Amino acid sequence: MLDLTGIYRLIDKRVDRESLGDLSWTGSIGQYLSLILENREVCRTVPQRLRDMIVSPCTEEPRPGESAPGNVGGSGASSGCLQELAERLRALSFQSGVVARTVLLCGSPEGKGPALVRGLMEGYESYSRTPEGALFSFRWKLAGGDAGGALEGGEAVPCPYHEEVLRLVPETERQKFLSDLKENAPDAPGPSLEGPLCPSCRSICERLLKKYHGDWARAMEHVEVYRLVPSAERRTALARVEGTSAGASGGEGAGLDLGVELRAGNRGILDCGDFGFLDGRSLATLAGLAETDASGSGPFLSKGLDFLAFGQVKDWESLKLSKDGLDDAFRAHVVEIQLGPGA
């Protein structure tokens, strides 16, 4: 079993703080741990980041006809709607156990909901490029023979889910480390890091641990931390579920596999369009109540992922839940925002 000293002896305080503003920044896991100990906001969850983005001082003037802060892009949403969303996200930041990560925009799908989600995605992309919104993930640096020789020499292998770096710490010791962070900043919301690594990274880590006879610190020498820059165009931490809008082919989201979308949208926002097009299993997958298999990387329960899924629905009864028996379970994972006529 890994002792916490195995984590703390990796900490490297030689971090050039000014260089962190560089979007191409890379560093060791030890340098990342040093950053977290100095500022816990570095490892905020998506609900925490989105809430901070909404309430932070505007970095630009609202566009003509907008009443929303400039940080939320061209959403056209009312400040009241955004304030309600920010308050609900703040409550999630301090929530333990079951964490809601699906935002139900109730009202006409043809109303302000789609524009609001587009604005949030634009704002999140811009916010993540600022020093305050800096986001980090990791990739594996593997030479020939590393990880059981299953990978080409010199290949850099990014985590397919661009996960939070702290998820590399084994689960038991991870919670102890997070408790130490909590003692240093008791009033700050902490990250929710339940569950194992994604199957791909878990496999690489296990092979490296076998190679180094269980020495976790040695295995972590193969980890490079990098600045993660969300991009809707590149489908990185921002993604849209295809086939969930009026006029989509296939009818009512039949056969939708959310695995690839979850992989693309993790650490950011997943735009699900009209939730009325998703079947019960798809909704359960979003809520972490069902397993997903993203592009053959192996099935796992998605509750350990970190994202917010937004979608519109006319009313709760429009969701296809009853026949799947998921009503109560799904409600525990949902934040409802009512979109009024002026929303």
Protein backbone atom coordinates (compact mmCIF):
# COMPACT_ATOMS: atom_id res chain seq x y z
CA MET A 1 0.00 0.00 0.00
CA LEU A 2 1.25 3.46 -0.89
CA ASP A 3 2.21 5.60 2.10
CA LEU A 4 1.46 9.32 1.96
CA THR A 5 5.18 9.96 2.15
CA GLY A 6 5.30 8.48 -1.35
CA ILE A 7 3.16 11.41 -2.47
CA TYR A 8 4.83 14.16 -0.51
CA ARG A 9 8.36 13.19 -1.51
CA LEU A 10 7.38 13.88 -5.12
CA ILE A 11 6.48 17.50 -4.41
CA ASP A 12 8.69 19.84 -6.39
CA LYS A 13 8.42 23.51 -5.42
CA ARG A 14 10.56 24.66 -8.31
CA VAL A 15 7.66 26.00 -10.33
CA ASP A 16 7.90 29.18 -12.37
CA ARG A 17 4.52 30.74 -11.52
CA GLU A 18 4.74 33.20 -14.40
CA SER A 19 5.14 30.38 -16.91
CA LEU A 20 1.79 28.90 -15.85
CA GLY A 21 0.08 31.51 -18.00
CA ASP A 22 1.59 29.79 -21.04
CA LEU A 23 -1.05 27.54 -22.63
CA SER A 24 1.71 25.13 -23.66
CA TRP A 25 3.00 24.69 -20.08
CA THR A 26 4.16 21.22 -19.06
CA GLY A 27 5.57 19.97 -15.79
CA SER A 28 5.98 17.01 -13.47
CA ILE A 29 3.37 15.60 -11.14
CA GLY A 30 5.54 16.87 -8.29
CA GLN A 31 5.25 20.44 -9.58
CA TYR A 32 1.48 20.01 -9.91
CA LEU A 33 1.20 18.79 -6.31
CA SER A 34 3.12 21.87 -5.23
CA LEU A 35 0.64 24.09 -7.05
CA ILE A 36 -2.31 22.39 -5.34
CA LEU A 37 -0.84 22.76 -1.88
CA GLU A 38 -0.39 26.45 -2.58
CA ASN A 39 -3.78 27.00 -4.22
CA ARG A 40 -6.57 24.43 -4.03
CA GLU A 41 -8.51 26.17 -6.77
CA VAL A 42 -6.17 24.54 -9.26
CA CYS A 43 -8.03 21.23 -8.83
CA ARG A 44 -11.60 22.56 -8.81
CA THR A 45 -14.35 20.44 -10.32
CA VAL A 46 -16.35 21.56 -13.35
CA PRO A 47 -19.34 22.81 -11.28
CA GLN A 48 -16.94 24.88 -9.16
CA ARG A 49 -15.17 26.28 -12.22
CA LEU A 50 -18.39 27.11 -14.02
CA ARG A 51 -19.80 28.86 -10.97
CA ASP A 52 -16.61 30.92 -10.55
CA MET A 53 -16.70 31.79 -14.25
CA ILE A 54 -20.26 33.11 -13.99
CA VAL A 55 -19.68 35.26 -10.90
CA SER A 56 -16.18 36.50 -11.78
CA PRO A 57 -15.77 40.09 -12.99
CA CYS A 58 -16.59 40.42 -16.66
CA THR A 59 -13.59 40.34 -18.94
CA GLU A 60 -15.55 41.95 -21.76
CA GLU A 61 -18.60 44.12 -22.25
CA PRO A 62 -21.94 42.41 -22.97
CA ARG A 63 -22.77 42.24 -26.64
CA PRO A 64 -25.68 44.34 -27.95
CA GLY A 65 -28.99 42.93 -26.73
CA GLU A 66 -27.41 40.81 -24.00
CA SER A 67 -28.15 41.13 -20.31
CA ALA A 68 -25.75 38.34 -19.33
CA PRO A 69 -22.17 38.97 -18.21
CA GLY A 70 -19.65 38.99 -21.02
CA ASN A 71 -17.94 35.93 -19.47
CA VAL A 72 -20.88 33.80 -20.59
CA GLY A 73 -20.41 34.53 -24.26
CA GLY A 74 -23.35 35.36 -26.49
CA SER A 75 -25.91 33.52 -24.39
CA GLY A 76 -28.56 36.23 -24.36
CA ALA A 77 -29.63 34.82 -20.98
CA SER A 78 -31.04 36.95 -18.22
CA SER A 79 -28.88 37.69 -15.20
CA GLY A 80 -31.56 36.09 -13.01
CA CYS A 81 -31.24 32.75 -14.82
CA LEU A 82 -27.45 32.83 -14.51
CA GLN A 83 -27.60 33.81 -10.85
CA GLU A 84 -29.87 30.84 -10.14
CA LEU A 85 -27.50 28.54 -11.98
CA ALA A 86 -24.50 29.95 -10.07
CA GLU A 87 -26.27 29.42 -6.73
CA ARG A 88 -27.13 25.84 -7.60
CA LEU A 89 -23.58 25.15 -8.74
CA ARG A 90 -22.23 26.63 -5.51
CA ALA A 91 -24.37 24.17 -3.54
CA LEU A 92 -22.94 21.31 -5.63
CA SER A 93 -19.42 22.47 -4.82
CA PHE A 94 -19.90 21.58 -1.16
CA GLN A 95 -22.00 18.47 -1.76
CA SER A 96 -20.63 15.08 -0.78
CA GLY A 97 -21.82 11.66 -1.83
CA VAL A 98 -24.20 11.77 -4.78
CA VAL A 99 -23.25 14.78 -6.92
CA ALA A 100 -25.70 16.14 -9.47
CA ARG A 101 -24.02 16.82 -12.77
CA THR A 102 -26.97 17.02 -15.16
CA VAL A 103 -28.60 20.43 -15.63
CA LEU A 104 -32.18 20.24 -16.82
CA LEU A 105 -33.26 23.45 -18.56
CA CYS A 106 -37.02 23.20 -18.26
CA GLY A 107 -39.12 25.05 -20.81
CA SER A 108 -39.51 25.05 -24.56
CA PRO A 109 -36.47 23.55 -26.32
CA GLU A 110 -36.96 26.22 -28.97
CA GLY A 111 -36.48 28.96 -26.35
CA LYS A 112 -33.38 30.37 -24.72
CA GLY A 113 -31.92 27.06 -23.56
CA PRO A 114 -29.75 26.23 -26.60
CA ALA A 115 -28.36 29.76 -26.74
CA LEU A 116 -27.58 29.66 -23.02
CA VAL A 117 -25.62 26.41 -23.38
CA ARG A 118 -23.67 27.75 -26.36
CA GLY A 119 -22.80 30.84 -24.35
CA LEU A 120 -21.64 28.78 -21.37
CA MET A 121 -19.43 26.67 -23.62
CA GLU A 122 -17.90 29.77 -25.22
CA GLY A 123 -17.35 31.31 -21.79
CA TYR A 124 -15.80 28.14 -20.38
CA GLU A 125 -13.38 27.93 -23.29
CA SER A 126 -12.30 31.55 -22.78
CA TYR A 127 -12.17 31.29 -18.97
CA SER A 128 -9.92 28.20 -19.16
CA ARG A 129 -7.37 30.25 -21.10
CA THR A 130 -6.97 32.72 -18.22
CA PRO A 131 -4.57 32.20 -15.28
CA GLU A 132 -7.58 31.97 -12.92
CA GLY A 133 -9.27 29.30 -14.99
CA ALA A 134 -6.18 27.21 -15.76
CA LEU A 135 -7.02 23.53 -16.16
CA PHE A 136 -4.55 20.64 -16.12
CA SER A 137 -4.42 17.01 -17.17
CA PHE A 138 -1.69 14.46 -17.86
CA ARG A 139 -0.14 12.18 -20.44
CA TRP A 140 2.15 9.19 -20.21
CA LYS A 141 5.72 9.38 -21.53
CA LEU A 142 6.65 5.84 -22.45
CA ALA A 143 9.86 4.55 -23.99
CA GLY A 144 10.34 1.13 -25.57
CA GLY A 145 9.66 -1.59 -23.03
CA ASP A 146 7.65 0.59 -20.67
CA ALA A 147 4.20 -0.54 -19.58
CA GLY A 148 4.87 -4.10 -20.65
CA GLY A 149 6.18 -3.10 -24.04
CA ALA A 150 2.66 -2.55 -25.31
CA LEU A 151 3.39 0.92 -26.67
CA GLU A 152 5.77 2.32 -29.24
CA GLY A 153 9.04 3.82 -28.08
CA GLY A 154 8.92 7.49 -27.17
CA GLU A 155 5.17 7.71 -27.51
CA ALA A 156 3.28 10.35 -25.48
CA VAL A 157 -0.11 8.93 -24.53
CA PRO A 158 -2.63 11.48 -23.18
CA CYS A 159 -5.37 10.33 -20.84
CA PRO A 160 -8.35 9.83 -23.22
CA TYR A 161 -10.66 11.46 -20.64
CA HIS A 162 -8.17 14.26 -19.82
CA GLU A 163 -8.73 13.43 -16.15
CA GLU A 164 -7.69 15.43 -13.09
CA VAL A 165 -4.05 14.63 -12.24
CA LEU A 166 -4.90 13.74 -8.63
CA ARG A 167 -6.79 10.72 -9.88
CA LEU A 168 -3.39 9.10 -10.42
CA VAL A 169 -3.11 8.77 -6.64
CA PRO A 170 -4.58 5.40 -5.56
CA GLU A 171 -8.09 5.79 -4.16
CA THR A 172 -7.38 5.10 -0.46
CA GLU A 173 -4.39 7.43 -0.25
CA ARG A 174 -6.15 9.95 -2.48
CA GLN A 175 -8.80 10.59 0.16
CA LYS A 176 -6.12 11.02 2.85
CA PHE A 177 -4.31 13.55 0.68
CA LEU A 178 -7.57 15.44 0.04
CA SER A 179 -8.19 15.50 3.80
CA ASP A 180 -4.80 17.16 4.25
CA LEU A 181 -5.80 19.78 1.68
CA LYS A 182 -9.05 20.36 3.54
CA GLU A 183 -7.18 21.07 6.77
CA ASN A 184 -5.15 23.75 5.00
CA ALA A 185 -8.25 25.41 3.51
CA PRO A 186 -11.35 24.26 5.46
CA ASP A 187 -13.71 26.79 3.86
CA ALA A 188 -12.81 25.95 0.27
CA PRO A 189 -14.82 23.37 -1.70
CA GLY A 190 -12.80 20.30 -2.48
CA PRO A 191 -12.68 18.13 -5.57
CA SER A 192 -14.83 15.00 -5.74
CA LEU A 193 -12.46 12.27 -6.86
CA GLU A 194 -14.32 9.02 -6.31
CA GLY A 195 -13.69 6.00 -8.46
CA PRO A 196 -10.69 4.58 -10.32
CA LEU A 197 -8.81 5.90 -13.31
CA CYS A 198 -10.26 5.30 -16.75
CA PRO A 199 -9.52 1.77 -18.05
CA SER A 200 -6.76 2.91 -20.41
CA CYS A 201 -4.76 4.81 -17.78
CA ARG A 202 -5.44 2.20 -15.14
CA SER A 203 -3.92 -0.44 -17.40
CA ILE A 204 -0.79 1.64 -18.07
CA CYS A 205 -0.37 2.48 -14.38
CA GLU A 206 -0.73 -1.14 -13.31
CA ARG A 207 1.90 -2.27 -15.82
CA LEU A 208 4.32 0.43 -14.69
CA LEU A 209 3.77 -0.49 -11.04
CA LYS A 210 4.51 -4.11 -11.91
CA LYS A 211 7.70 -3.05 -13.70
CA TYR A 212 8.86 -0.99 -10.68
CA HIS A 213 7.77 -3.56 -8.09
CA GLY A 214 5.00 -1.36 -6.68
CA ASP A 215 7.06 1.85 -6.46
CA TRP A 216 4.37 4.44 -7.26
CA ALA A 217 6.80 7.37 -7.25
CA ARG A 218 8.93 5.65 -9.92
CA ALA A 219 5.85 5.00 -12.02
CA MET A 220 4.87 8.66 -11.77
CA GLU A 221 8.17 9.65 -13.41
CA HIS A 222 6.45 8.66 -16.64
CA VAL A 223 3.71 11.27 -16.13
CA GLU A 224 3.82 14.69 -17.76
CA VAL A 225 1.28 17.27 -16.59
CA TYR A 226 0.09 19.75 -19.20
CA ARG A 227 -2.20 22.73 -19.49
CA LEU A 228 -5.55 21.50 -20.80
CA VAL A 229 -7.24 23.99 -23.13
CA PRO A 230 -10.93 23.17 -23.75
CA SER A 231 -12.06 23.54 -27.35
CA ALA A 232 -15.47 22.86 -28.88
CA GLU A 233 -13.85 22.70 -32.31
CA ARG A 234 -11.41 19.99 -31.22
CA ARG A 235 -14.02 18.32 -28.97
CA THR A 236 -11.75 18.67 -25.96
CA ALA A 237 -13.63 19.10 -22.65
CA LEU A 238 -16.49 20.58 -24.71
CA ALA A 239 -18.75 18.36 -26.79
CA ARG A 240 -22.23 18.09 -28.25
CA VAL A 241 -24.31 14.93 -28.45
CA GLU A 242 -25.43 14.46 -32.04
CA GLY A 243 -28.95 13.29 -32.86
CA THR A 244 -30.72 14.95 -29.92
CA SER A 245 -32.48 17.81 -31.67
CA ALA A 246 -35.66 18.22 -33.60
CA GLY A 247 -35.25 16.86 -37.09
CA ALA A 248 -32.43 14.51 -36.10
CA SER A 249 -32.41 11.19 -37.91
CA GLY A 250 -32.96 7.92 -36.08
CA GLY A 251 -35.91 9.09 -34.00
CA GLU A 252 -35.85 9.83 -30.28
CA GLY A 253 -32.17 9.16 -29.74
CA ALA A 254 -32.50 5.49 -30.68
CA GLY A 255 -29.19 3.67 -30.40
CA LEU A 256 -27.21 6.64 -29.09
CA ASP A 257 -23.90 5.64 -27.52
CA LEU A 258 -22.75 8.37 -25.14
CA GLY A 259 -19.35 6.79 -24.48
CA VAL A 260 -17.43 8.86 -27.02
CA GLU A 261 -19.27 12.06 -26.02
CA LEU A 262 -18.46 11.49 -22.34
CA ARG A 263 -14.81 11.02 -23.20
CA ALA A 264 -14.78 14.24 -25.24
CA GLY A 265 -16.79 16.31 -22.75
CA ASN A 266 -15.14 15.20 -19.51
CA ARG A 267 -13.60 18.09 -17.51
CA GLY A 268 -16.03 20.46 -19.20
CA ILE A 269 -19.50 20.78 -20.69
CA LEU A 270 -21.57 18.25 -22.60
CA ASP A 271 -24.40 19.76 -24.66
CA CYS A 272 -27.13 17.11 -24.85
CA GLY A 273 -29.61 19.15 -26.87
CA ASP A 274 -33.16 17.99 -26.13
CA PHE A 275 -33.20 15.47 -23.27
CA GLY A 276 -36.53 14.23 -24.62
CA PHE A 277 -34.59 12.42 -27.37
CA LEU A 278 -32.54 10.33 -24.89
CA ASP A 279 -33.72 6.96 -23.65
CA GLY A 280 -33.54 5.82 -20.04
CA ARG A 281 -30.16 4.12 -20.35
CA SER A 282 -28.56 7.20 -21.90
CA LEU A 283 -29.89 9.36 -19.05
CA ALA A 284 -28.63 6.79 -16.54
CA THR A 285 -25.18 6.88 -18.14
CA LEU A 286 -25.05 10.67 -17.76
CA ALA A 287 -25.96 10.31 -14.10
CA GLY A 288 -23.28 7.68 -13.45
CA LEU A 289 -25.92 5.00 -12.89
CA ALA A 290 -24.88 2.84 -15.84
CA GLU A 291 -21.59 1.72 -17.36
CA THR A 292 -20.14 3.27 -20.47
CA ASP A 293 -17.57 2.01 -22.95
CA ALA A 294 -15.85 4.84 -24.80
CA SER A 295 -14.43 3.70 -28.11
CA GLY A 296 -13.38 0.26 -26.86
CA SER A 297 -11.36 1.41 -23.81
CA GLY A 298 -13.44 -0.86 -21.59
CA PRO A 299 -16.67 -0.50 -19.61
CA PHE A 300 -16.66 1.43 -16.36
CA LEU A 301 -19.10 3.34 -14.20
CA SER A 302 -19.00 6.98 -15.25
CA LYS A 303 -19.68 8.38 -11.76
CA GLY A 304 -15.98 9.23 -11.43
CA LEU A 305 -16.04 11.58 -14.41
CA ASP A 306 -16.16 15.34 -13.99
CA PHE A 307 -18.51 17.19 -16.35
CA LEU A 308 -21.81 19.02 -16.52
CA ALA A 309 -24.39 17.82 -19.02
CA PHE A 310 -26.87 20.47 -20.15
CA GLY A 311 -30.09 19.73 -21.96
CA GLN A 312 -33.54 21.19 -22.57
CA VAL A 313 -36.85 19.52 -21.92
CA LYS A 314 -40.42 20.80 -22.03
CA ASP A 315 -41.23 19.27 -18.64
CA TRP A 316 -40.17 16.39 -16.39
CA GLU A 317 -42.84 14.11 -17.83
CA SER A 318 -41.16 14.38 -21.24
CA LEU A 319 -38.20 12.34 -19.98
CA LYS A 320 -38.24 8.63 -20.77
CA LEU A 321 -37.69 7.41 -17.22
CA SER A 322 -40.82 5.70 -15.91
CA LYS A 323 -40.49 2.52 -17.91
CA ASP A 324 -36.85 2.20 -16.80
CA GLY A 325 -37.62 2.76 -13.11
CA LEU A 326 -35.02 5.52 -12.88
CA ASP A 327 -37.15 8.44 -11.73
CA ASP A 328 -35.94 8.70 -8.13
CA ALA A 329 -32.33 7.79 -8.86
CA PHE A 330 -32.08 10.24 -11.73
CA ARG A 331 -33.69 13.08 -9.77
CA ALA A 332 -30.86 12.85 -7.22
CA HIS A 333 -28.39 13.67 -10.00
CA VAL A 334 -30.25 16.57 -11.57
CA VAL A 335 -30.30 20.34 -11.17
CA GLU A 336 -33.48 21.87 -12.57
CA ILE A 337 -33.47 25.42 -13.94
CA GLN A 338 -36.79 26.88 -15.05
CA LEU A 339 -36.55 28.93 -18.22
CA GLY A 340 -39.29 31.54 -18.04
CA PRO A 341 -40.43 33.72 -20.95
CA GLY A 342 -37.64 36.21 -20.26
CA ALA A 343 -34.92 33.67 -19.51
